[in-house]
Amino acid sequence: MIRVRVFGAALALAVMSVGATGESFSPDQLRAGAEIFERNCAPCHGPRMRDPESAFDLRKFPRDQHDRFVSSVTRGKNQMPPWGDMLKADEIEALWAYVTTGER
């Protein structure tokens, strides 16, 4: 029974993705982040974070600035509108997961 539990825990860890800051994200969280990004962010930041025409290149966003990311998404920044009224906290966290690990 102990071997089954250890194997199950190891399997759960194996399916997690680890961001540049050591954070762990589930495949579901990354998938949700990619969907939210494509729907809301890609028009300005480029599909799959590639070739942003007039917005910040999110592939270069500092991975140690989670709070800055959340604040920018929630409140908006420069020409980016605030998304805090449209996105829930878990959706913003899914975006963070995608931005830090999604297209690497």
PDB file of N, CA and C in Angstrom:
ATOM      1  N   MET A   1       0.816  -1.196   0.000  1.00  0.00           N
ATOM      2  CA  MET A   1       0.000   0.000   0.000  1.00  0.00           C
ATOM      3  C   MET A   1       0.858   1.257   0.000  1.00  0.00           C
ATOM      4  N   ILE A   2       1.950   1.234   0.748  1.00  0.00           N
ATOM      5  CA  ILE A   2       2.838   2.392   0.794  1.00  0.00           C
ATOM      6  C   ILE A   2       3.445   2.638  -0.576  1.00  0.00           C
ATOM      7  N   ARG A   3       3.827   1.581  -1.302  1.00  0.00           N
ATOM      8  CA  ARG A   3       4.407   1.745  -2.640  1.00  0.00           C
ATOM      9  C   ARG A   3       3.431   2.416  -3.590  1.00  0.00           C
ATOM     10  N   VAL A   4       2.159   2.073  -3.480  1.00  0.00           N
ATOM     11  CA  VAL A   4       1.150   2.673  -4.341  1.00  0.00           C
ATOM     12  C   VAL A   4       1.042   4.168  -4.060  1.00  0.00           C
ATOM     13  N   ARG A   5       1.037   4.550  -2.810  1.00  0.00           N
ATOM     14  CA  ARG A   5       0.964   5.968  -2.456  1.00  0.00           C
ATOM     15  C   ARG A   5       2.188   6.731  -2.940  1.00  0.00           C
ATOM     16  N   VAL A   6       3.367   6.150  -2.761  1.00  0.00           N
ATOM     17  CA  VAL A   6       4.598   6.800  -3.218  1.00  0.00           C
ATOM     18  C   VAL A   6       4.583   6.939  -4.731  1.00  0.00           C
ATOM     19  N   PHE A   7       4.181   5.889  -5.437  1.00  0.00           N
ATOM     20  CA  PHE A   7       4.105   5.948  -6.894  1.00  0.00           C
ATOM     21  C   PHE A   7       3.098   7.006  -7.332  1.00  0.00           C
ATOM     22  N   GLY A   8       1.937   7.054  -6.671  1.00  0.00           N
ATOM     23  CA  GLY A   8       0.926   8.056  -7.013  1.00  0.00           C
ATOM     24  C   GLY A   8       1.432   9.468  -6.806  1.00  0.00           C
ATOM     25  N   ALA A   9       2.151   9.706  -5.725  1.00  0.00           N
ATOM     26  CA  ALA A   9       2.718  11.037  -5.471  1.00  0.00           C
ATOM     27  C   ALA A   9       3.769  11.381  -6.510  1.00  0.00           C
ATOM     28  N   ALA A  10       4.603  10.423  -6.867  1.00  0.00           N
ATOM     29  CA  ALA A  10       5.627  10.667  -7.885  1.00  0.00           C
ATOM     30  C   ALA A  10       4.992  10.952  -9.236  1.00  0.00           C
ATOM     31  N   LEU A  11       3.936  10.237  -9.559  1.00  0.00           N
ATOM     32  CA  LEU A  11       3.238  10.469 -10.818  1.00  0.00           C
ATOM     33  C   LEU A  11       2.607  11.856 -10.836  1.00  0.00           C
ATOM     34  N   ALA A  12       2.013  12.266  -9.739  1.00  0.00           N
ATOM     35  CA  ALA A  12       1.407  13.602  -9.661  1.00  0.00           C
ATOM     36  C   ALA A  12       2.460  14.680  -9.866  1.00  0.00           C
ATOM     37  N   LEU A  13       3.622  14.519  -9.292  1.00  0.00           N
ATOM     38  CA  LEU A  13       4.693  15.496  -9.485  1.00  0.00           C
ATOM     39  C   LEU A  13       5.203  15.492 -10.914  1.00  0.00           C
ATOM     40  N   ALA A  14       5.219  14.359 -11.542  1.00  0.00           N
ATOM     41  CA  ALA A  14       5.738  14.258 -12.909  1.00  0.00           C
ATOM     42  C   ALA A  14       4.875  14.991 -13.912  1.00  0.00           C
ATOM     43  N   VAL A  15       3.572  15.116 -13.660  1.00  0.00           N
ATOM     44  CA  VAL A  15       2.704  15.787 -14.613  1.00  0.00           C
ATOM     45  C   VAL A  15       2.593  17.287 -14.364  1.00  0.00           C
ATOM     46  N   MET A  16       3.288  17.789 -13.365  1.00  0.00           N
ATOM     47  CA  MET A  16       3.290  19.219 -13.094  1.00  0.00           C
ATOM     48  C   MET A  16       4.386  19.873 -13.929  1.00  0.00           C
ATOM     49  N   SER A  17       4.143  21.074 -14.396  1.00  0.00           N
ATOM     50  CA  SER A  17       5.162  21.842 -15.082  1.00  0.00           C
ATOM     51  C   SER A  17       5.751  22.825 -14.088  1.00  0.00           C
ATOM     52  N   VAL A  18       7.036  23.044 -14.202  1.00  0.00           N
ATOM     53  CA  VAL A  18       7.709  23.946 -13.292  1.00  0.00           C
ATOM     54  C   VAL A  18       8.120  25.188 -14.050  1.00  0.00           C
ATOM     55  N   GLY A  19       7.717  26.343 -13.517  1.00  0.00           N
ATOM     56  CA  GLY A  19       8.068  27.612 -14.123  1.00  0.00           C
ATOM     57  C   GLY A  19       9.500  28.002 -13.807  1.00  0.00           C
ATOM     58  N   ALA A  20       9.930  29.084 -14.408  1.00  0.00           N
ATOM     59  CA  ALA A  20      11.293  29.568 -14.233  1.00  0.00           C
ATOM     60  C   ALA A  20      11.595  29.940 -12.788  1.00  0.00           C
ATOM     61  N   THR A  21      10.575  30.240 -12.005  1.00  0.00           N
ATOM     62  CA  THR A  21      10.785  30.621 -10.618  1.00  0.00           C
ATOM     63  C   THR A  21      10.627  29.433  -9.675  1.00  0.00           C
ATOM     64  N   GLY A  22      10.464  28.235 -10.218  1.00  0.00           N
ATOM     65  CA  GLY A  22      10.303  27.049  -9.394  1.00  0.00           C
ATOM     66  C   GLY A  22       8.866  26.754  -9.020  1.00  0.00           C
ATOM     67  N   GLU A  23       7.923  27.563  -9.496  1.00  0.00           N
ATOM     68  CA  GLU A  23       6.509  27.317  -9.222  1.00  0.00           C
ATOM     69  C   GLU A  23       6.048  26.096 -10.015  1.00  0.00           C
ATOM     70  N   SER A  24       5.127  25.357  -9.448  1.00  0.00           N
ATOM     71  CA  SER A  24       4.565  24.200 -10.142  1.00  0.00           C
ATOM     72  C   SER A  24       3.178  24.528 -10.660  1.00  0.00           C
ATOM     73  N   PHE A  25       2.916  24.139 -11.898  1.00  0.00           N
ATOM     74  CA  PHE A  25       1.624  24.375 -12.521  1.00  0.00           C
ATOM     75  C   PHE A  25       1.108  23.070 -13.108  1.00  0.00           C
ATOM     76  N   SER A  26      -0.172  22.847 -12.965  1.00  0.00           N
ATOM     77  CA  SER A  26      -0.772  21.634 -13.511  1.00  0.00           C
ATOM     78  C   SER A  26      -1.016  21.810 -15.011  1.00  0.00           C
ATOM     79  N   PRO A  27      -1.105  20.709 -15.745  1.00  0.00           N
ATOM     80  CA  PRO A  27      -1.435  20.803 -17.169  1.00  0.00           C
ATOM     81  C   PRO A  27      -2.769  21.512 -17.404  1.00  0.00           C
ATOM     82  N   ASP A  28      -3.748  21.299 -16.515  1.00  0.00           N
ATOM     83  CA  ASP A  28      -5.046  21.975 -16.654  1.00  0.00           C
ATOM     84  C   ASP A  28      -4.903  23.482 -16.499  1.00  0.00           C
ATOM     85  N   GLN A  29      -4.060  23.906 -15.561  1.00  0.00           N
ATOM     86  CA  GLN A  29      -3.845  25.331 -15.349  1.00  0.00           C
ATOM     87  C   GLN A  29      -3.152  25.951 -16.564  1.00  0.00           C
ATOM     88  N   LEU A  30      -2.174  25.267 -17.126  1.00  0.00           N
ATOM     89  CA  LEU A  30      -1.494  25.769 -18.320  1.00  0.00           C
ATOM     90  C   LEU A  30      -2.450  25.837 -19.513  1.00  0.00           C
ATOM     91  N   ARG A  31      -3.267  24.828 -19.661  1.00  0.00           N
ATOM     92  CA  ARG A  31      -4.241  24.804 -20.754  1.00  0.00           C
ATOM     93  C   ARG A  31      -5.238  25.953 -20.609  1.00  0.00           C
ATOM     94  N   ALA A  32      -5.725  26.166 -19.388  1.00  0.00           N
ATOM     95  CA  ALA A  32      -6.657  27.272 -19.142  1.00  0.00           C
ATOM     96  C   ALA A  32      -5.983  28.609 -19.430  1.00  0.00           C
ATOM     97  N   GLY A  33      -4.739  28.753 -19.007  1.00  0.00           N
ATOM     98  CA  GLY A  33      -4.009  29.991 -19.262  1.00  0.00           C
ATOM     99  C   GLY A  33      -3.829  30.253 -20.748  1.00  0.00           C
ATOM    100  N   ALA A  34      -3.536  29.203 -21.506  1.00  0.00           N
ATOM    101  CA  ALA A  34      -3.376  29.352 -22.954  1.00  0.00           C
ATOM    102  C   ALA A  34      -4.691  29.784 -23.606  1.00  0.00           C
ATOM    103  N   GLU A  35      -5.792  29.208 -23.153  1.00  0.00           N
ATOM    104  CA  GLU A  35      -7.104  29.575 -23.711  1.00  0.00           C
ATOM    105  C   GLU A  35      -7.467  31.021 -23.377  1.00  0.00           C
ATOM    106  N   ILE A  36      -7.222  31.420 -22.137  1.00  0.00           N
ATOM    107  CA  ILE A  36      -7.506  32.800 -21.733  1.00  0.00           C
ATOM    108  C   ILE A  36      -6.628  33.765 -22.515  1.00  0.00           C
ATOM    109  N   PHE A  37      -5.361  33.395 -22.673  1.00  0.00           N
ATOM    110  CA  PHE A  37      -4.431  34.244 -23.416  1.00  0.00           C
ATOM    111  C   PHE A  37      -4.904  34.417 -24.858  1.00  0.00           C
ATOM    112  N   GLU A  38      -5.232  33.324 -25.511  1.00  0.00           N
ATOM    113  CA  GLU A  38      -5.652  33.410 -26.917  1.00  0.00           C
ATOM    114  C   GLU A  38      -6.906  34.260 -27.080  1.00  0.00           C
ATOM    115  N   ARG A  39      -7.815  34.139 -26.144  1.00  0.00           N
ATOM    116  CA  ARG A  39      -9.078  34.871 -26.220  1.00  0.00           C
ATOM    117  C   ARG A  39      -8.909  36.359 -25.899  1.00  0.00           C
ATOM    118  N   ASN A  40      -8.117  36.686 -24.888  1.00  0.00           N
ATOM    119  CA  ASN A  40      -8.072  38.052 -24.384  1.00  0.00           C
ATOM    120  C   ASN A  40      -6.770  38.808 -24.657  1.00  0.00           C
ATOM    121  N   CYS A  41      -5.677  38.112 -24.744  1.00  0.00           N
ATOM    122  CA  CYS A  41      -4.370  38.781 -24.780  1.00  0.00           C
ATOM    123  C   CYS A  41      -3.696  38.740 -26.147  1.00  0.00           C
ATOM    124  N   ALA A  42      -3.933  37.674 -26.906  1.00  0.00           N
ATOM    125  CA  ALA A  42      -3.250  37.494 -28.187  1.00  0.00           C
ATOM    126  C   ALA A  42      -3.478  38.619 -29.192  1.00  0.00           C
ATOM    127  N   PRO A  43      -4.655  39.254 -29.207  1.00  0.00           N
ATOM    128  CA  PRO A  43      -4.811  40.337 -30.190  1.00  0.00           C
ATOM    129  C   PRO A  43      -3.731  41.418 -30.083  1.00  0.00           C
ATOM    130  N   CYS A  44      -3.233  41.668 -28.883  1.00  0.00           N
ATOM    131  CA  CYS A  44      -2.191  42.686 -28.722  1.00  0.00           C
ATOM    132  C   CYS A  44      -0.804  42.086 -28.495  1.00  0.00           C
ATOM    133  N   HIS A  45      -0.733  41.021 -27.690  1.00  0.00           N
ATOM    134  CA  HIS A  45       0.562  40.438 -27.334  1.00  0.00           C
ATOM    135  C   HIS A  45       1.023  39.377 -28.317  1.00  0.00           C
ATOM    136  N   GLY A  46       0.239  39.118 -29.341  1.00  0.00           N
ATOM    137  CA  GLY A  46       0.604  38.166 -30.380  1.00  0.00           C
ATOM    138  C   GLY A  46       0.166  36.759 -30.058  1.00  0.00           C
ATOM    139  N   PRO A  47      -0.193  35.996 -31.098  1.00  0.00           N
ATOM    140  CA  PRO A  47      -0.579  34.600 -30.877  1.00  0.00           C
ATOM    141  C   PRO A  47       0.594  33.822 -30.286  1.00  0.00           C
ATOM    142  N   ARG A  48       0.320  33.075 -29.221  1.00  0.00           N
ATOM    143  CA  ARG A  48       1.337  32.276 -28.542  1.00  0.00           C
ATOM    144  C   ARG A  48       2.516  33.131 -28.091  1.00  0.00           C
ATOM    145  N   MET A  49       2.235  34.395 -27.757  1.00  0.00           N
ATOM    146  CA  MET A  49       3.224  35.367 -27.287  1.00  0.00           C
ATOM    147  C   MET A  49       4.295  35.642 -28.340  1.00  0.00           C
ATOM    148  N   ARG A  50       3.961  35.507 -29.587  1.00  0.00           N
ATOM    149  CA  ARG A  50       4.912  35.755 -30.670  1.00  0.00           C
ATOM    150  C   ARG A  50       4.510  37.021 -31.417  1.00  0.00           C
ATOM    151  N   ASP A  51       5.481  37.808 -31.791  1.00  0.00           N
ATOM    152  CA  ASP A  51       5.309  38.987 -32.634  1.00  0.00           C
ATOM    153  C   ASP A  51       4.266  39.984 -32.151  1.00  0.00           C
ATOM    154  N   PRO A  52       4.430  40.478 -30.923  1.00  0.00           N
ATOM    155  CA  PRO A  52       3.483  41.514 -30.490  1.00  0.00           C
ATOM    156  C   PRO A  52       3.689  42.769 -31.331  1.00  0.00           C
ATOM    157  N   GLU A  53       2.605  43.296 -31.852  1.00  0.00           N
ATOM    158  CA  GLU A  53       2.718  44.468 -32.715  1.00  0.00           C
ATOM    159  C   GLU A  53       2.982  45.729 -31.916  1.00  0.00           C
ATOM    160  N   SER A  54       2.205  45.950 -30.885  1.00  0.00           N
ATOM    161  CA  SER A  54       2.347  47.208 -30.159  1.00  0.00           C
ATOM    162  C   SER A  54       2.381  47.011 -28.646  1.00  0.00           C
ATOM    163  N   ALA A  55       2.458  45.769 -28.188  1.00  0.00           N
ATOM    164  CA  ALA A  55       2.411  45.500 -26.757  1.00  0.00           C
ATOM    165  C   ALA A  55       3.725  44.877 -26.288  1.00  0.00           C
ATOM    166  N   PHE A  56       3.876  44.844 -25.003  1.00  0.00           N
ATOM    167  CA  PHE A  56       5.062  44.270 -24.377  1.00  0.00           C
ATOM    168  C   PHE A  56       5.206  42.806 -24.767  1.00  0.00           C
ATOM    169  N   ASP A  57       6.442  42.374 -25.044  1.00  0.00           N
ATOM    170  CA  ASP A  57       6.738  40.978 -25.352  1.00  0.00           C
ATOM    171  C   ASP A  57       6.747  40.194 -24.039  1.00  0.00           C
ATOM    172  N   LEU A  58       5.688  39.456 -23.784  1.00  0.00           N
ATOM    173  CA  LEU A  58       5.537  38.760 -22.506  1.00  0.00           C
ATOM    174  C   LEU A  58       6.548  37.638 -22.309  1.00  0.00           C
ATOM    175  N   ARG A  59       7.213  37.200 -23.351  1.00  0.00           N
ATOM    176  CA  ARG A  59       8.271  36.203 -23.188  1.00  0.00           C
ATOM    177  C   ARG A  59       9.434  36.786 -22.392  1.00  0.00           C
ATOM    178  N   LYS A  60       9.494  38.119 -22.322  1.00  0.00           N
ATOM    179  CA  LYS A  60      10.570  38.794 -21.594  1.00  0.00           C
ATOM    180  C   LYS A  60      10.125  39.297 -20.222  1.00  0.00           C
ATOM    181  N   PHE A  61       8.900  38.967 -19.823  1.00  0.00           N
ATOM    182  CA  PHE A  61       8.416  39.444 -18.525  1.00  0.00           C
ATOM    183  C   PHE A  61       9.255  38.809 -17.420  1.00  0.00           C
ATOM    184  N   PRO A  62       9.725  39.614 -16.455  1.00  0.00           N
ATOM    185  CA  PRO A  62      10.551  39.067 -15.361  1.00  0.00           C
ATOM    186  C   PRO A  62       9.786  38.023 -14.546  1.00  0.00           C
ATOM    187  N   ARG A  63      10.344  36.830 -14.471  1.00  0.00           N
ATOM    188  CA  ARG A  63       9.670  35.708 -13.813  1.00  0.00           C
ATOM    189  C   ARG A  63       9.605  35.851 -12.301  1.00  0.00           C
ATOM    190  N   ASP A  64      10.357  36.785 -11.760  1.00  0.00           N
ATOM    191  CA  ASP A  64      10.336  36.982 -10.313  1.00  0.00           C
ATOM    192  C   ASP A  64       9.411  38.133  -9.916  1.00  0.00           C
ATOM    193  N   GLN A  65       8.547  38.563 -10.834  1.00  0.00           N
ATOM    194  CA  GLN A  65       7.666  39.699 -10.546  1.00  0.00           C
ATOM    195  C   GLN A  65       6.188  39.333 -10.694  1.00  0.00           C
ATOM    196  N   HIS A  66       5.798  38.285  -9.995  1.00  0.00           N
ATOM    197  CA  HIS A  66       4.420  37.809 -10.007  1.00  0.00           C
ATOM    198  C   HIS A  66       3.447  38.920  -9.623  1.00  0.00           C
ATOM    199  N   ASP A  67       3.747  39.627  -8.540  1.00  0.00           N
ATOM    200  CA  ASP A  67       2.829  40.677  -8.069  1.00  0.00           C
ATOM    201  C   ASP A  67       2.661  41.777  -9.112  1.00  0.00           C
ATOM    202  N   ARG A  68       3.722  42.123  -9.796  1.00  0.00           N
ATOM    203  CA  ARG A  68       3.647  43.133 -10.863  1.00  0.00           C
ATOM    204  C   ARG A  68       2.746  42.646 -11.990  1.00  0.00           C
ATOM    205  N   PHE A  69       2.869  41.371 -12.347  1.00  0.00           N
ATOM    206  CA  PHE A  69       2.030  40.782 -13.394  1.00  0.00           C
ATOM    207  C   PHE A  69       0.559  40.859 -12.997  1.00  0.00           C
ATOM    208  N   VAL A  70       0.253  40.408 -11.781  1.00  0.00           N
ATOM    209  CA  VAL A  70      -1.131  40.409 -11.301  1.00  0.00           C
ATOM    210  C   VAL A  70      -1.681  41.834 -11.280  1.00  0.00           C
ATOM    211  N   SER A  71      -0.892  42.773 -10.810  1.00  0.00           N
ATOM    212  CA  SER A  71      -1.325  44.159 -10.757  1.00  0.00           C
ATOM    213  C   SER A  71      -1.587  44.712 -12.154  1.00  0.00           C
ATOM    214  N   SER A  72      -0.681  44.430 -13.090  1.00  0.00           N
ATOM    215  CA  SER A  72      -0.844  44.930 -14.462  1.00  0.00           C
ATOM    216  C   SER A  72      -2.089  44.357 -15.123  1.00  0.00           C
ATOM    217  N   VAL A  73      -2.325  43.063 -14.933  1.00  0.00           N
ATOM    218  CA  VAL A  73      -3.497  42.428 -15.534  1.00  0.00           C
ATOM    219  C   VAL A  73      -4.772  42.945 -14.862  1.00  0.00           C
ATOM    220  N   THR A  74      -4.755  43.052 -13.566  1.00  0.00           N
ATOM    221  CA  THR A  74      -5.938  43.465 -12.819  1.00  0.00           C
ATOM    222  C   THR A  74      -6.298  44.928 -13.064  1.00  0.00           C
ATOM    223  N   ARG A  75      -5.306  45.791 -12.983  1.00  0.00           N
ATOM    224  CA  ARG A  75      -5.554  47.238 -13.060  1.00  0.00           C
ATOM    225  C   ARG A  75      -5.287  47.855 -14.425  1.00  0.00           C
ATOM    226  N   GLY A  76      -4.606  47.113 -15.296  1.00  0.00           N
ATOM    227  CA  GLY A  76      -4.215  47.661 -16.583  1.00  0.00           C
ATOM    228  C   GLY A  76      -2.898  48.409 -16.461  1.00  0.00           C
ATOM    229  N   LYS A  77      -2.305  48.677 -17.612  1.00  0.00           N
ATOM    230  CA  LYS A  77      -1.032  49.399 -17.620  1.00  0.00           C
ATOM    231  C   LYS A  77      -0.869  50.049 -18.978  1.00  0.00           C
ATOM    232  N   ASN A  78      -0.509  51.317 -18.967  1.00  0.00           N
ATOM    233  CA  ASN A  78      -0.363  52.081 -20.207  1.00  0.00           C
ATOM    234  C   ASN A  78      -1.633  51.920 -21.047  1.00  0.00           C
ATOM    235  N   GLN A  79      -1.501  51.343 -22.239  1.00  0.00           N
ATOM    236  CA  GLN A  79      -2.670  51.197 -23.110  1.00  0.00           C
ATOM    237  C   GLN A  79      -3.458  49.908 -22.874  1.00  0.00           C
ATOM    238  N   MET A  80      -2.936  49.027 -22.006  1.00  0.00           N
ATOM    239  CA  MET A  80      -3.642  47.781 -21.721  1.00  0.00           C
ATOM    240  C   MET A  80      -4.793  48.060 -20.755  1.00  0.00           C
ATOM    241  N   PRO A  81      -5.984  47.607 -21.096  1.00  0.00           N
ATOM    242  CA  PRO A  81      -7.129  47.834 -20.206  1.00  0.00           C
ATOM    243  C   PRO A  81      -7.046  46.939 -18.962  1.00  0.00           C
ATOM    244  N   PRO A  82      -7.740  47.313 -17.907  1.00  0.00           N
ATOM    245  CA  PRO A  82      -7.799  46.452 -16.722  1.00  0.00           C
ATOM    246  C   PRO A  82      -8.695  45.242 -16.981  1.00  0.00           C
ATOM    247  N   TRP A  83      -8.235  44.088 -16.540  1.00  0.00           N
ATOM    248  CA  TRP A  83      -9.001  42.853 -16.718  1.00  0.00           C
ATOM    249  C   TRP A  83      -9.567  42.340 -15.399  1.00  0.00           C
ATOM    250  N   GLY A  84      -9.357  43.085 -14.318  1.00  0.00           N
ATOM    251  CA  GLY A  84      -9.778  42.630 -12.997  1.00  0.00           C
ATOM    252  C   GLY A  84     -11.262  42.389 -12.858  1.00  0.00           C
ATOM    253  N   ASP A  85     -12.083  43.106 -13.612  1.00  0.00           N
ATOM    254  CA  ASP A  85     -13.528  42.887 -13.538  1.00  0.00           C
ATOM    255  C   ASP A  85     -13.987  41.729 -14.415  1.00  0.00           C
ATOM    256  N   MET A  86     -13.134  41.293 -15.319  1.00  0.00           N
ATOM    257  CA  MET A  86     -13.523  40.228 -16.250  1.00  0.00           C
ATOM    258  C   MET A  86     -12.906  38.881 -15.907  1.00  0.00           C
ATOM    259  N   LEU A  87     -11.737  38.900 -15.280  1.00  0.00           N
ATOM    260  CA  LEU A  87     -11.042  37.652 -14.961  1.00  0.00           C
ATOM    261  C   LEU A  87     -11.027  37.416 -13.461  1.00  0.00           C
ATOM    262  N   LYS A  88     -11.262  36.177 -13.087  1.00  0.00           N
ATOM    263  CA  LYS A  88     -11.187  35.783 -11.681  1.00  0.00           C
ATOM    264  C   LYS A  88      -9.722  35.585 -11.298  1.00  0.00           C
ATOM    265  N   ALA A  89      -9.452  35.552 -10.012  1.00  0.00           N
ATOM    266  CA  ALA A  89      -8.082  35.384  -9.515  1.00  0.00           C
ATOM    267  C   ALA A  89      -7.444  34.101 -10.053  1.00  0.00           C
ATOM    268  N   ASP A  90      -8.201  33.003 -10.105  1.00  0.00           N
ATOM    269  CA  ASP A  90      -7.625  31.750 -10.606  1.00  0.00           C
ATOM    270  C   ASP A  90      -7.334  31.823 -12.103  1.00  0.00           C
ATOM    271  N   GLU A  91      -8.082  32.635 -12.837  1.00  0.00           N
ATOM    272  CA  GLU A  91      -7.809  32.811 -14.263  1.00  0.00           C
ATOM    273  C   GLU A  91      -6.538  33.645 -14.471  1.00  0.00           C
ATOM    274  N   ILE A  92      -6.331  34.637 -13.628  1.00  0.00           N
ATOM    275  CA  ILE A  92      -5.104  35.426 -13.710  1.00  0.00           C
ATOM    276  C   ILE A  92      -3.906  34.551 -13.351  1.00  0.00           C
ATOM    277  N   GLU A  93      -4.076  33.661 -12.380  1.00  0.00           N
ATOM    278  CA  GLU A  93      -3.000  32.730 -12.027  1.00  0.00           C
ATOM    279  C   GLU A  93      -2.724  31.758 -13.169  1.00  0.00           C
ATOM    280  N   ALA A  94      -3.763  31.352 -13.881  1.00  0.00           N
ATOM    281  CA  ALA A  94      -3.567  30.489 -15.053  1.00  0.00           C
ATOM    282  C   ALA A  94      -2.803  31.234 -16.140  1.00  0.00           C
ATOM    283  N   LEU A  95      -3.105  32.509 -16.316  1.00  0.00           N
ATOM    284  CA  LEU A  95      -2.333  33.328 -17.268  1.00  0.00           C
ATOM    285  C   LEU A  95      -0.876  33.396 -16.855  1.00  0.00           C
ATOM    286  N   TRP A  96      -0.633  33.596 -15.566  1.00  0.00           N
ATOM    287  CA  TRP A  96       0.739  33.627 -15.064  1.00  0.00           C
ATOM    288  C   TRP A  96       1.451  32.307 -15.378  1.00  0.00           C
ATOM    289  N   ALA A  97       0.771  31.205 -15.160  1.00  0.00           N
ATOM    290  CA  ALA A  97       1.351  29.891 -15.464  1.00  0.00           C
ATOM    291  C   ALA A  97       1.712  29.806 -16.938  1.00  0.00           C
ATOM    292  N   TYR A  98       0.816  30.245 -17.795  1.00  0.00           N
ATOM    293  CA  TYR A  98       1.072  30.206 -19.237  1.00  0.00           C
ATOM    294  C   TYR A  98       2.229  31.111 -19.636  1.00  0.00           C
ATOM    295  N   VAL A  99       2.232  32.325 -19.122  1.00  0.00           N
ATOM    296  CA  VAL A  99       3.279  33.290 -19.492  1.00  0.00           C
ATOM    297  C   VAL A  99       4.649  32.800 -19.017  1.00  0.00           C
ATOM    298  N   THR A 100       4.720  32.197 -17.835  1.00  0.00           N
ATOM    299  CA  THR A 100       6.018  31.772 -17.330  1.00  0.00           C
ATOM    300  C   THR A 100       6.491  30.435 -17.877  1.00  0.00           C
ATOM    301  N   THR A 101       5.583  29.603 -18.389  1.00  0.00           N
ATOM    302  CA  THR A 101       6.016  28.277 -18.863  1.00  0.00           C
ATOM    303  C   THR A 101       5.415  27.864 -20.207  1.00  0.00           C
ATOM    304  N   GLY A 102       4.350  28.500 -20.641  1.00  0.00           N
ATOM    305  CA  GLY A 102       3.537  27.997 -21.737  1.00  0.00           C
ATOM    306  C   GLY A 102       4.191  27.809 -23.081  1.00  0.00           C
ATOM    307  N   GLU A 103       5.019  28.696 -23.504  1.00  0.00           N
ATOM    308  CA  GLU A 103       5.588  28.597 -24.845  1.00  0.00           C
ATOM    309  C   GLU A 103       7.103  28.508 -24.810  1.00  0.00           C
ATOM    310  N   ARG A 104       7.621  27.770 -23.890  1.00  0.00           N
ATOM    311  CA  ARG A 104       9.068  27.620 -23.757  1.00  0.00           C
ATOM    312  C   ARG A 104       9.539  26.343 -24.390  1.00  0.00           C
TER     313      ARG A 104
END
